[in-house]
Amino acid sequence: MPGEKEIRSKISSVKNMQKITSAMEKVAASKIRKAQQQMEASRPYAERIRRVIGHLAHANPDYKHPFLIERPVKRVGMIIISTDRGLCGGLNSNLFKRVIGDMIKWKDENVEVDLALVGAKAVQFFRRLGGNVVGTATHLGDAPHINDLLGAIKIMLDSYEEGRTDRLFLYHNEFVSAMSQVPEVTTLLPVSEIDLGEESLQDHWDYIYEPDAGELLDDVLQRYIESQVYRGAVENFACEMAAKMVAMKSATDNAGEIIDKLQLAYNKARQAAITQEISEIVGGAAAVSG
């Protein structure tokens, strides 16, 4: 059994770690609200530009932008959004499992895969694993900005427009609740048919384009893809804060249990030492009296 000094040292170390995990839990909890606000603020723009694309596509059935045309799949692109930091439970690993599963399926169909990685954890993981990494973006901070994502997005859009890539997917974590985050996969390109519902009023309206429909649709489609990736980044950050809060709470609770066990072991060790000292004193007194 370890001695009293060694157990006291362990208790002190675990208590210090518990203070750190408790502080990290509180920091993550304080950031969740802001992250949710960023996530909710990104949704109206993404939904509105989606409807604009739907109107333009319906208004010009004769013009087909390359982003709207399906073609045989020989190479796919994946934009993967992870966290920059760890200590967030299985958030990244669950996402990477989903990505690897899809990569294996495409490989079995003799389809090549290009990767654009957002987040330091994705960069580290896929550089160790291997894969054709064509673009990276890291250190987005607590408030991801679209400008930090444009490089990785443009590489993939250029590849698709030039015919080198035939599908483009977005992988990120979806925020369900503070206790639940799940990997999400979105097909970015080709842009699927958009159902406008009651807003489809082709018989009653048309657009006047300046400079022309093709150039306008090209610009709007790029903005649409950018908005989807940005929305994925802010949603992934909200997931990171929620997962980190839960992971740090679990770590803090586990530290408390370890401290209780160590304290019990310390009490037993101290009781054994006291008992031994009493036995030695009684034995010494008996020897002196004898």
C-alpha atoms as a PDB file:
ATOM      1  CA  MET A   1       0.000   0.000   0.000  1.00  0.00           C
ATOM      2  CA  PRO A   2       1.369   3.488  -0.835  1.00  0.00           C
ATOM      3  CA  GLY A   3       2.501   5.631   2.062  1.00  0.00           C
ATOM      4  CA  GLU A   4       0.675   8.627   3.496  1.00  0.00           C
ATOM      5  CA  LYS A   5       2.968  11.154   1.819  1.00  0.00           C
ATOM      6  CA  GLU A   6       2.529   9.603  -1.610  1.00  0.00           C
ATOM      7  CA  ILE A   7      -1.278   9.489  -1.258  1.00  0.00           C
ATOM      8  CA  ARG A   8      -1.388  13.130  -0.056  1.00  0.00           C
ATOM      9  CA  SER A   9       0.618  14.116  -3.132  1.00  0.00           C
ATOM     10  CA  LYS A  10      -1.824  12.283  -5.417  1.00  0.00           C
ATOM     11  CA  ILE A  11      -4.817  13.915  -3.732  1.00  0.00           C
ATOM     12  CA  SER A  12      -3.257  17.340  -4.207  1.00  0.00           C
ATOM     13  CA  SER A  13      -2.555  16.647  -7.894  1.00  0.00           C
ATOM     14  CA  VAL A  14      -6.100  15.427  -8.562  1.00  0.00           C
ATOM     15  CA  LYS A  15      -7.581  18.440  -6.763  1.00  0.00           C
ATOM     16  CA  ASN A  16      -5.530  20.790  -8.924  1.00  0.00           C
ATOM     17  CA  MET A  17      -6.716  18.981 -12.052  1.00  0.00           C
ATOM     18  CA  GLN A  18     -10.297  19.142 -10.800  1.00  0.00           C
ATOM     19  CA  LYS A  19     -10.015  22.929 -10.451  1.00  0.00           C
ATOM     20  CA  ILE A  20      -8.803  23.179 -14.053  1.00  0.00           C
ATOM     21  CA  THR A  21     -11.565  20.978 -15.503  1.00  0.00           C
ATOM     22  CA  SER A  22     -14.190  22.822 -13.454  1.00  0.00           C
ATOM     23  CA  ALA A  23     -12.940  26.168 -14.773  1.00  0.00           C
ATOM     24  CA  MET A  24     -12.964  24.844 -18.371  1.00  0.00           C
ATOM     25  CA  GLU A  25     -16.525  23.593 -17.873  1.00  0.00           C
ATOM     26  CA  LYS A  26     -17.636  27.059 -16.744  1.00  0.00           C
ATOM     27  CA  VAL A  27     -15.860  28.763 -19.665  1.00  0.00           C
ATOM     28  CA  ALA A  28     -17.497  26.405 -22.186  1.00  0.00           C
ATOM     29  CA  ALA A  29     -20.904  26.944 -20.565  1.00  0.00           C
ATOM     30  CA  SER A  30     -20.479  30.708 -20.817  1.00  0.00           C
ATOM     31  CA  LYS A  31     -19.641  30.467 -24.552  1.00  0.00           C
ATOM     32  CA  ILE A  32     -22.510  28.194 -25.547  1.00  0.00           C
ATOM     33  CA  ARG A  33     -25.078  30.995 -25.605  1.00  0.00           C
ATOM     34  CA  LYS A  34     -22.957  33.178 -27.878  1.00  0.00           C
ATOM     35  CA  ALA A  35     -22.243  30.200 -30.127  1.00  0.00           C
ATOM     36  CA  GLN A  36     -25.968  29.448 -30.401  1.00  0.00           C
ATOM     37  CA  GLN A  37     -26.666  33.083 -31.292  1.00  0.00           C
ATOM     38  CA  GLN A  38     -24.066  32.933 -34.075  1.00  0.00           C
ATOM     39  CA  MET A  39     -25.595  29.701 -35.327  1.00  0.00           C
ATOM     40  CA  GLU A  40     -29.149  31.080 -35.317  1.00  0.00           C
ATOM     41  CA  ALA A  41     -28.033  34.331 -36.971  1.00  0.00           C
ATOM     42  CA  SER A  42     -26.523  32.413 -39.906  1.00  0.00           C
ATOM     43  CA  ARG A  43     -29.728  30.540 -40.710  1.00  0.00           C
ATOM     44  CA  PRO A  44     -31.972  33.290 -42.215  1.00  0.00           C
ATOM     45  CA  TYR A  45     -29.353  34.321 -44.788  1.00  0.00           C
ATOM     46  CA  ALA A  46     -28.659  30.696 -45.787  1.00  0.00           C
ATOM     47  CA  GLU A  47     -32.380  29.996 -46.191  1.00  0.00           C
ATOM     48  CA  ARG A  48     -33.077  33.211 -48.119  1.00  0.00           C
ATOM     49  CA  ILE A  49     -30.235  32.738 -50.593  1.00  0.00           C
ATOM     50  CA  ARG A  50     -31.410  29.159 -51.087  1.00  0.00           C
ATOM     51  CA  ARG A  51     -34.809  30.485 -52.137  1.00  0.00           C
ATOM     52  CA  VAL A  52     -33.209  33.074 -54.431  1.00  0.00           C
ATOM     53  CA  ILE A  53     -31.369  30.270 -56.217  1.00  0.00           C
ATOM     54  CA  GLY A  54     -34.634  28.390 -56.536  1.00  0.00           C
ATOM     55  CA  HIS A  55     -36.309  31.398 -58.150  1.00  0.00           C
ATOM     56  CA  LEU A  56     -33.439  31.957 -60.579  1.00  0.00           C
ATOM     57  CA  ALA A  57     -33.275  28.300 -61.561  1.00  0.00           C
ATOM     58  CA  HIS A  58     -37.046  28.164 -62.169  1.00  0.00           C
ATOM     59  CA  ALA A  59     -37.045  31.476 -64.024  1.00  0.00           C
ATOM     60  CA  ASN A  60     -34.382  30.289 -66.490  1.00  0.00           C
ATOM     61  CA  PRO A  61     -35.050  26.652 -67.349  1.00  0.00           C
ATOM     62  CA  ASP A  62     -32.951  26.997 -70.531  1.00  0.00           C
ATOM     63  CA  TYR A  63     -29.801  28.045 -68.685  1.00  0.00           C
ATOM     64  CA  LYS A  64     -28.037  25.348 -66.690  1.00  0.00           C
ATOM     65  CA  HIS A  65     -25.129  26.396 -64.542  1.00  0.00           C
ATOM     66  CA  PRO A  66     -22.376  23.752 -64.030  1.00  0.00           C
ATOM     67  CA  PHE A  67     -23.233  23.699 -60.321  1.00  0.00           C
ATOM     68  CA  LEU A  68     -26.762  22.521 -61.181  1.00  0.00           C
ATOM     69  CA  ILE A  69     -25.817  19.687 -63.567  1.00  0.00           C
ATOM     70  CA  GLU A  70     -25.300  16.125 -62.385  1.00  0.00           C
ATOM     71  CA  ARG A  71     -22.620  14.028 -64.057  1.00  0.00           C
ATOM     72  CA  PRO A  72     -21.019  10.594 -63.625  1.00  0.00           C
ATOM     73  CA  VAL A  73     -18.950  10.426 -60.456  1.00  0.00           C
ATOM     74  CA  LYS A  74     -15.220   9.818 -60.880  1.00  0.00           C
ATOM     75  CA  ARG A  75     -13.884  12.073 -58.109  1.00  0.00           C
ATOM     76  CA  VAL A  76     -15.571  13.622 -55.080  1.00  0.00           C
ATOM     77  CA  GLY A  77     -14.566  16.465 -52.793  1.00  0.00           C
ATOM     78  CA  MET A  78     -15.163  16.618 -49.056  1.00  0.00           C
ATOM     79  CA  ILE A  79     -15.034  19.758 -46.922  1.00  0.00           C
ATOM     80  CA  ILE A  80     -14.553  18.524 -43.345  1.00  0.00           C
ATOM     81  CA  ILE A  81     -15.065  20.898 -40.413  1.00  0.00           C
ATOM     82  CA  SER A  82     -13.551  19.881 -37.064  1.00  0.00           C
ATOM     83  CA  THR A  83     -12.443  21.728 -33.945  1.00  0.00           C
ATOM     84  CA  ASP A  84      -9.083  23.420 -33.478  1.00  0.00           C
ATOM     85  CA  ARG A  85      -8.780  22.182 -29.895  1.00  0.00           C
ATOM     86  CA  GLY A  86      -9.412  18.903 -28.121  1.00  0.00           C
ATOM     87  CA  LEU A  87     -10.945  18.027 -24.757  1.00  0.00           C
ATOM     88  CA  CYS A  88     -14.423  17.788 -26.296  1.00  0.00           C
ATOM     89  CA  GLY A  89     -15.184  14.106 -25.862  1.00  0.00           C
ATOM     90  CA  GLY A  90     -15.900  12.052 -28.968  1.00  0.00           C
ATOM     91  CA  LEU A  91     -17.063  15.003 -31.074  1.00  0.00           C
ATOM     92  CA  ASN A  92     -14.249  14.840 -33.632  1.00  0.00           C
ATOM     93  CA  SER A  93     -13.774  11.078 -33.571  1.00  0.00           C
ATOM     94  CA  ASN A  94     -17.464  10.452 -34.354  1.00  0.00           C
ATOM     95  CA  LEU A  95     -17.260  12.835 -37.307  1.00  0.00           C
ATOM     96  CA  PHE A  96     -14.036  11.245 -38.590  1.00  0.00           C
ATOM     97  CA  LYS A  97     -15.599   7.773 -38.382  1.00  0.00           C
ATOM     98  CA  ARG A  98     -18.419   8.970 -40.625  1.00  0.00           C
ATOM     99  CA  VAL A  99     -15.946  10.489 -43.084  1.00  0.00           C
ATOM    100  CA  ILE A 100     -13.759   7.359 -43.185  1.00  0.00           C
ATOM    101  CA  GLY A 101     -16.809   5.157 -43.745  1.00  0.00           C
ATOM    102  CA  ASP A 102     -17.839   7.259 -46.746  1.00  0.00           C
ATOM    103  CA  MET A 103     -14.271   7.376 -48.070  1.00  0.00           C
ATOM    104  CA  ILE A 104     -14.116   3.571 -48.005  1.00  0.00           C
ATOM    105  CA  LYS A 105     -17.426   3.349 -49.905  1.00  0.00           C
ATOM    106  CA  TRP A 106     -16.162   5.709 -52.606  1.00  0.00           C
ATOM    107  CA  LYS A 107     -12.851   3.855 -52.855  1.00  0.00           C
ATOM    108  CA  ASP A 108     -14.748   0.581 -53.332  1.00  0.00           C
ATOM    109  CA  GLU A 109     -16.466   2.238 -56.313  1.00  0.00           C
ATOM    110  CA  ASN A 110     -13.062   3.350 -57.701  1.00  0.00           C
ATOM    111  CA  VAL A 111     -13.877   6.995 -57.005  1.00  0.00           C
ATOM    112  CA  GLU A 112     -11.038   9.300 -55.910  1.00  0.00           C
ATOM    113  CA  VAL A 113     -11.496  11.587 -52.896  1.00  0.00           C
ATOM    114  CA  ASP A 114     -10.114  15.108 -52.346  1.00  0.00           C
ATOM    115  CA  LEU A 115     -10.172  16.634 -48.858  1.00  0.00           C
ATOM    116  CA  ALA A 116     -10.438  20.263 -47.753  1.00  0.00           C
ATOM    117  CA  LEU A 117      -9.875  20.373 -44.005  1.00  0.00           C
ATOM    118  CA  VAL A 118     -11.154  23.049 -41.635  1.00  0.00           C
ATOM    119  CA  GLY A 119      -9.851  22.827 -38.065  1.00  0.00           C
ATOM    120  CA  ALA A 120      -6.497  21.759 -36.645  1.00  0.00           C
ATOM    121  CA  LYS A 121      -7.806  18.390 -35.425  1.00  0.00           C
ATOM    122  CA  ALA A 122      -8.904  17.386 -38.932  1.00  0.00           C
ATOM    123  CA  VAL A 123      -5.538  18.458 -40.356  1.00  0.00           C
ATOM    124  CA  GLN A 124      -3.643  16.410 -37.760  1.00  0.00           C
ATOM    125  CA  PHE A 125      -5.860  13.351 -38.153  1.00  0.00           C
ATOM    126  CA  PHE A 126      -5.907  13.094 -41.937  1.00  0.00           C
ATOM    127  CA  ARG A 127      -2.234  13.873 -42.336  1.00  0.00           C
ATOM    128  CA  ARG A 128      -1.508  10.888 -40.100  1.00  0.00           C
ATOM    129  CA  LEU A 129      -4.143   8.737 -41.800  1.00  0.00           C
ATOM    130  CA  GLY A 130      -3.276   9.756 -45.327  1.00  0.00           C
ATOM    131  CA  GLY A 131      -5.438  11.198 -48.080  1.00  0.00           C
ATOM    132  CA  ASN A 132      -5.328  13.767 -50.840  1.00  0.00           C
ATOM    133  CA  VAL A 133      -5.529  17.014 -48.860  1.00  0.00           C
ATOM    134  CA  VAL A 134      -5.956  19.937 -51.271  1.00  0.00           C
ATOM    135  CA  GLY A 135      -6.718  22.756 -48.826  1.00  0.00           C
ATOM    136  CA  THR A 136      -6.709  23.614 -45.124  1.00  0.00           C
ATOM    137  CA  ALA A 137      -7.996  26.334 -42.804  1.00  0.00           C
ATOM    138  CA  THR A 138      -7.263  26.408 -39.081  1.00  0.00           C
ATOM    139  CA  HIS A 139      -7.505  28.620 -35.982  1.00  0.00           C
ATOM    140  CA  LEU A 140     -10.925  30.086 -36.701  1.00  0.00           C
ATOM    141  CA  GLY A 141     -11.316  31.217 -33.083  1.00  0.00           C
ATOM    142  CA  ASP A 142     -14.531  31.706 -31.138  1.00  0.00           C
ATOM    143  CA  ALA A 143     -16.162  33.709 -33.959  1.00  0.00           C
ATOM    144  CA  PRO A 144     -15.514  31.994 -37.320  1.00  0.00           C
ATOM    145  CA  HIS A 145     -15.365  34.432 -40.226  1.00  0.00           C
ATOM    146  CA  ILE A 146     -16.193  33.610 -43.820  1.00  0.00           C
ATOM    147  CA  ASN A 147     -12.905  35.120 -45.008  1.00  0.00           C
ATOM    148  CA  ASP A 148     -11.004  32.394 -43.150  1.00  0.00           C
ATOM    149  CA  LEU A 149     -12.912  29.735 -45.115  1.00  0.00           C
ATOM    150  CA  LEU A 150     -12.770  31.213 -48.610  1.00  0.00           C
ATOM    151  CA  GLY A 151      -9.455  29.599 -49.560  1.00  0.00           C
ATOM    152  CA  ALA A 152     -10.593  26.033 -48.897  1.00  0.00           C
ATOM    153  CA  ILE A 153     -14.000  26.709 -50.496  1.00  0.00           C
ATOM    154  CA  LYS A 154     -12.533  28.243 -53.673  1.00  0.00           C
ATOM    155  CA  ILE A 155     -10.211  25.287 -54.257  1.00  0.00           C
ATOM    156  CA  MET A 156     -13.180  22.924 -54.220  1.00  0.00           C
ATOM    157  CA  LEU A 157     -15.451  25.163 -56.334  1.00  0.00           C
ATOM    158  CA  ASP A 158     -12.754  25.652 -58.981  1.00  0.00           C
ATOM    159  CA  SER A 159     -12.157  21.907 -59.078  1.00  0.00           C
ATOM    160  CA  TYR A 160     -15.868  21.246 -59.605  1.00  0.00           C
ATOM    161  CA  GLU A 161     -16.325  23.971 -62.208  1.00  0.00           C
ATOM    162  CA  GLU A 162     -13.329  22.699 -64.182  1.00  0.00           C
ATOM    163  CA  GLY A 163     -14.712  19.151 -64.159  1.00  0.00           C
ATOM    164  CA  ARG A 164     -12.051  17.575 -61.961  1.00  0.00           C
ATOM    165  CA  THR A 165     -14.576  16.916 -59.180  1.00  0.00           C
ATOM    166  CA  ASP A 166     -18.082  15.562 -59.731  1.00  0.00           C
ATOM    167  CA  ARG A 167     -19.573  15.794 -56.216  1.00  0.00           C
ATOM    168  CA  LEU A 168     -18.890  18.072 -53.264  1.00  0.00           C
ATOM    169  CA  PHE A 169     -19.910  17.206 -49.707  1.00  0.00           C
ATOM    170  CA  LEU A 170     -19.794  19.122 -46.431  1.00  0.00           C
ATOM    171  CA  TYR A 171     -19.109  17.262 -43.167  1.00  0.00           C
ATOM    172  CA  HIS A 172     -19.639  18.904 -39.797  1.00  0.00           C
ATOM    173  CA  ASN A 173     -21.322  18.302 -36.455  1.00  0.00           C
ATOM    174  CA  GLU A 174     -24.958  19.301 -36.099  1.00  0.00           C
ATOM    175  CA  PHE A 175     -26.113  20.938 -32.859  1.00  0.00           C
ATOM    176  CA  VAL A 176     -29.171  19.052 -31.604  1.00  0.00           C
ATOM    177  CA  SER A 177     -28.984  20.141 -27.973  1.00  0.00           C
ATOM    178  CA  ALA A 178     -26.389  20.869 -25.307  1.00  0.00           C
ATOM    179  CA  MET A 179     -26.279  17.134 -24.615  1.00  0.00           C
ATOM    180  CA  SER A 180     -26.447  15.847 -28.186  1.00  0.00           C
ATOM    181  CA  GLN A 181     -24.359  16.553 -31.287  1.00  0.00           C
ATOM    182  CA  VAL A 182     -24.380  14.334 -34.359  1.00  0.00           C
ATOM    183  CA  PRO A 183     -22.272  14.181 -37.546  1.00  0.00           C
ATOM    184  CA  GLU A 184     -24.043  15.803 -40.492  1.00  0.00           C
ATOM    185  CA  VAL A 185     -23.370  15.352 -44.229  1.00  0.00           C
ATOM    186  CA  THR A 186     -24.673  17.843 -46.807  1.00  0.00           C
ATOM    187  CA  THR A 187     -24.394  17.564 -50.584  1.00  0.00           C
ATOM    188  CA  LEU A 188     -23.209  20.990 -51.724  1.00  0.00           C
ATOM    189  CA  LEU A 189     -22.719  20.252 -55.423  1.00  0.00           C
ATOM    190  CA  PRO A 190     -24.500  19.653 -57.633  1.00  0.00           C
ATOM    191  CA  VAL A 191     -27.170  21.855 -56.085  1.00  0.00           C
ATOM    192  CA  SER A 192     -30.294  19.716 -55.885  1.00  0.00           C
ATOM    193  CA  GLU A 193     -33.738  20.789 -57.048  1.00  0.00           C
ATOM    194  CA  ILE A 194     -35.151  23.365 -54.617  1.00  0.00           C
ATOM    195  CA  ASP A 195     -38.834  23.117 -53.794  1.00  0.00           C
ATOM    196  CA  LEU A 196     -40.228  26.630 -53.449  1.00  0.00           C
ATOM    197  CA  GLY A 197     -43.733  25.537 -52.485  1.00  0.00           C
ATOM    198  CA  GLU A 198     -46.194  28.436 -52.674  1.00  0.00           C
ATOM    199  CA  GLU A 199     -43.424  30.836 -53.685  1.00  0.00           C
ATOM    200  CA  SER A 200     -43.107  29.204 -57.088  1.00  0.00           C
ATOM    201  CA  LEU A 201     -44.943  31.827 -59.133  1.00  0.00           C
ATOM    202  CA  GLN A 202     -43.413  31.307 -62.561  1.00  0.00           C
ATOM    203  CA  ASP A 203     -46.647  32.248 -64.329  1.00  0.00           C
ATOM    204  CA  HIS A 204     -46.812  35.644 -62.615  1.00  0.00           C
ATOM    205  CA  TRP A 205     -43.288  37.062 -62.529  1.00  0.00           C
ATOM    206  CA  ASP A 206     -39.902  37.180 -64.174  1.00  0.00           C
ATOM    207  CA  TYR A 207     -36.552  38.873 -63.561  1.00  0.00           C
ATOM    208  CA  ILE A 208     -34.676  41.536 -65.454  1.00  0.00           C
ATOM    209  CA  TYR A 209     -30.993  40.592 -65.223  1.00  0.00           C
ATOM    210  CA  GLU A 210     -28.040  42.923 -65.076  1.00  0.00           C
ATOM    211  CA  PRO A 211     -25.523  42.064 -66.447  1.00  0.00           C
ATOM    212  CA  ASP A 212     -26.964  38.628 -67.427  1.00  0.00           C
ATOM    213  CA  ALA A 213     -28.586  35.549 -65.901  1.00  0.00           C
ATOM    214  CA  GLY A 214     -25.498  33.339 -66.189  1.00  0.00           C
ATOM    215  CA  GLU A 215     -23.132  35.710 -64.428  1.00  0.00           C
ATOM    216  CA  LEU A 216     -25.693  36.517 -61.743  1.00  0.00           C
ATOM    217  CA  LEU A 217     -26.455  32.856 -61.063  1.00  0.00           C
ATOM    218  CA  ASP A 218     -22.742  32.071 -60.917  1.00  0.00           C
ATOM    219  CA  ASP A 219     -22.204  34.698 -58.226  1.00  0.00           C
ATOM    220  CA  VAL A 220     -25.287  33.735 -56.211  1.00  0.00           C
ATOM    221  CA  LEU A 221     -24.433  30.023 -56.290  1.00  0.00           C
ATOM    222  CA  GLN A 222     -20.955  30.734 -54.954  1.00  0.00           C
ATOM    223  CA  ARG A 223     -22.445  32.824 -52.159  1.00  0.00           C
ATOM    224  CA  TYR A 224     -24.841  29.974 -51.431  1.00  0.00           C
ATOM    225  CA  ILE A 225     -22.015  27.436 -51.046  1.00  0.00           C
ATOM    226  CA  GLU A 226     -20.053  29.878 -48.880  1.00  0.00           C
ATOM    227  CA  SER A 227     -23.075  30.447 -46.642  1.00  0.00           C
ATOM    228  CA  GLN A 228     -23.553  26.689 -46.171  1.00  0.00           C
ATOM    229  CA  VAL A 229     -19.912  26.163 -45.194  1.00  0.00           C
ATOM    230  CA  TYR A 230     -19.967  29.165 -42.867  1.00  0.00           C
ATOM    231  CA  ARG A 231     -23.141  27.910 -41.254  1.00  0.00           C
ATOM    232  CA  GLY A 232     -21.463  24.521 -40.762  1.00  0.00           C
ATOM    233  CA  ALA A 233     -18.473  26.215 -39.101  1.00  0.00           C
ATOM    234  CA  VAL A 234     -20.532  28.195 -36.584  1.00  0.00           C
ATOM    235  CA  GLU A 235     -22.717  25.173 -35.852  1.00  0.00           C
ATOM    236  CA  ASN A 236     -19.621  23.046 -35.305  1.00  0.00           C
ATOM    237  CA  PHE A 237     -18.302  25.639 -32.833  1.00  0.00           C
ATOM    238  CA  ALA A 238     -21.553  25.469 -30.868  1.00  0.00           C
ATOM    239  CA  CYS A 239     -21.178  21.677 -30.825  1.00  0.00           C
ATOM    240  CA  GLU A 240     -17.594  22.043 -29.597  1.00  0.00           C
ATOM    241  CA  MET A 241     -18.590  24.208 -26.638  1.00  0.00           C
ATOM    242  CA  ALA A 242     -21.468  21.891 -25.690  1.00  0.00           C
ATOM    243  CA  ALA A 243     -19.312  18.763 -25.959  1.00  0.00           C
ATOM    244  CA  LYS A 244     -16.504  20.412 -24.009  1.00  0.00           C
ATOM    245  CA  MET A 245     -18.868  21.462 -21.226  1.00  0.00           C
ATOM    246  CA  VAL A 246     -20.183  17.892 -20.886  1.00  0.00           C
ATOM    247  CA  ALA A 247     -16.697  16.358 -21.090  1.00  0.00           C
ATOM    248  CA  MET A 248     -15.248  18.723 -18.494  1.00  0.00           C
ATOM    249  CA  LYS A 249     -18.195  18.154 -16.142  1.00  0.00           C
ATOM    250  CA  SER A 250     -17.639  14.408 -16.445  1.00  0.00           C
ATOM    251  CA  ALA A 251     -13.918  14.887 -15.792  1.00  0.00           C
ATOM    252  CA  THR A 252     -14.654  17.057 -12.736  1.00  0.00           C
ATOM    253  CA  ASP A 253     -17.080  14.470 -11.339  1.00  0.00           C
ATOM    254  CA  ASN A 254     -14.588  11.653 -11.981  1.00  0.00           C
ATOM    255  CA  ALA A 255     -11.893  13.636 -10.199  1.00  0.00           C
ATOM    256  CA  GLY A 256     -14.193  13.944  -7.190  1.00  0.00           C
ATOM    257  CA  GLU A 257     -14.675  10.171  -7.113  1.00  0.00           C
ATOM    258  CA  ILE A 258     -10.922   9.596  -7.350  1.00  0.00           C
ATOM    259  CA  ILE A 259     -10.322  12.044  -4.500  1.00  0.00           C
ATOM    260  CA  ASP A 260     -12.839  10.178  -2.328  1.00  0.00           C
ATOM    261  CA  LYS A 261     -11.108   6.855  -3.035  1.00  0.00           C
ATOM    262  CA  LEU A 262      -7.670   8.328  -2.352  1.00  0.00           C
ATOM    263  CA  GLN A 263      -8.940   9.913   0.854  1.00  0.00           C
ATOM    264  CA  LEU A 264     -10.228   6.522   1.992  1.00  0.00           C
ATOM    265  CA  ALA A 265      -6.884   4.922   1.136  1.00  0.00           C
ATOM    266  CA  TYR A 266      -5.110   7.733   3.018  1.00  0.00           C
ATOM    267  CA  ASN A 267      -7.274   7.165   6.099  1.00  0.00           C
ATOM    268  CA  LYS A 268      -6.544   3.428   5.994  1.00  0.00           C
ATOM    269  CA  ALA A 269      -2.824   4.036   5.588  1.00  0.00           C
ATOM    270  CA  ARG A 270      -2.818   6.515   8.478  1.00  0.00           C
ATOM    271  CA  GLN A 271      -4.823   4.141  10.676  1.00  0.00           C
ATOM    272  CA  ALA A 272      -2.376   1.334   9.892  1.00  0.00           C
ATOM    273  CA  ALA A 273       0.559   3.596  10.735  1.00  0.00           C
ATOM    274  CA  ILE A 274      -1.036   4.649  14.044  1.00  0.00           C
ATOM    275  CA  THR A 275      -1.825   1.030  14.901  1.00  0.00           C
ATOM    276  CA  GLN A 276       1.760   0.069  14.170  1.00  0.00           C
ATOM    277  CA  GLU A 277       3.087   2.889  16.327  1.00  0.00           C
ATOM    278  CA  ILE A 278       0.811   1.862  19.214  1.00  0.00           C
ATOM    279  CA  SER A 279       1.968  -1.743  18.879  1.00  0.00           C
ATOM    280  CA  GLU A 280       5.578  -0.635  18.939  1.00  0.00           C
ATOM    281  CA  ILE A 281       4.994   1.514  22.033  1.00  0.00           C
ATOM    282  CA  VAL A 282       3.146  -1.292  23.836  1.00  0.00           C
ATOM    283  CA  GLY A 283       5.855  -3.770  22.845  1.00  0.00           C
ATOM    284  CA  GLY A 284       8.594  -1.420  24.023  1.00  0.00           C
ATOM    285  CA  ALA A 285       6.829  -0.769  27.331  1.00  0.00           C
ATOM    286  CA  ALA A 286       6.378  -4.496  27.903  1.00  0.00           C
ATOM    287  CA  ALA A 287      10.056  -5.109  27.221  1.00  0.00           C
ATOM    288  CA  VAL A 288      11.096  -2.360  29.649  1.00  0.00           C
ATOM    289  CA  SER A 289       8.768  -3.609  32.426  1.00  0.00           C
ATOM    290  CA  GLY A 290       9.865  -7.192  31.853  1.00  0.00           C
END
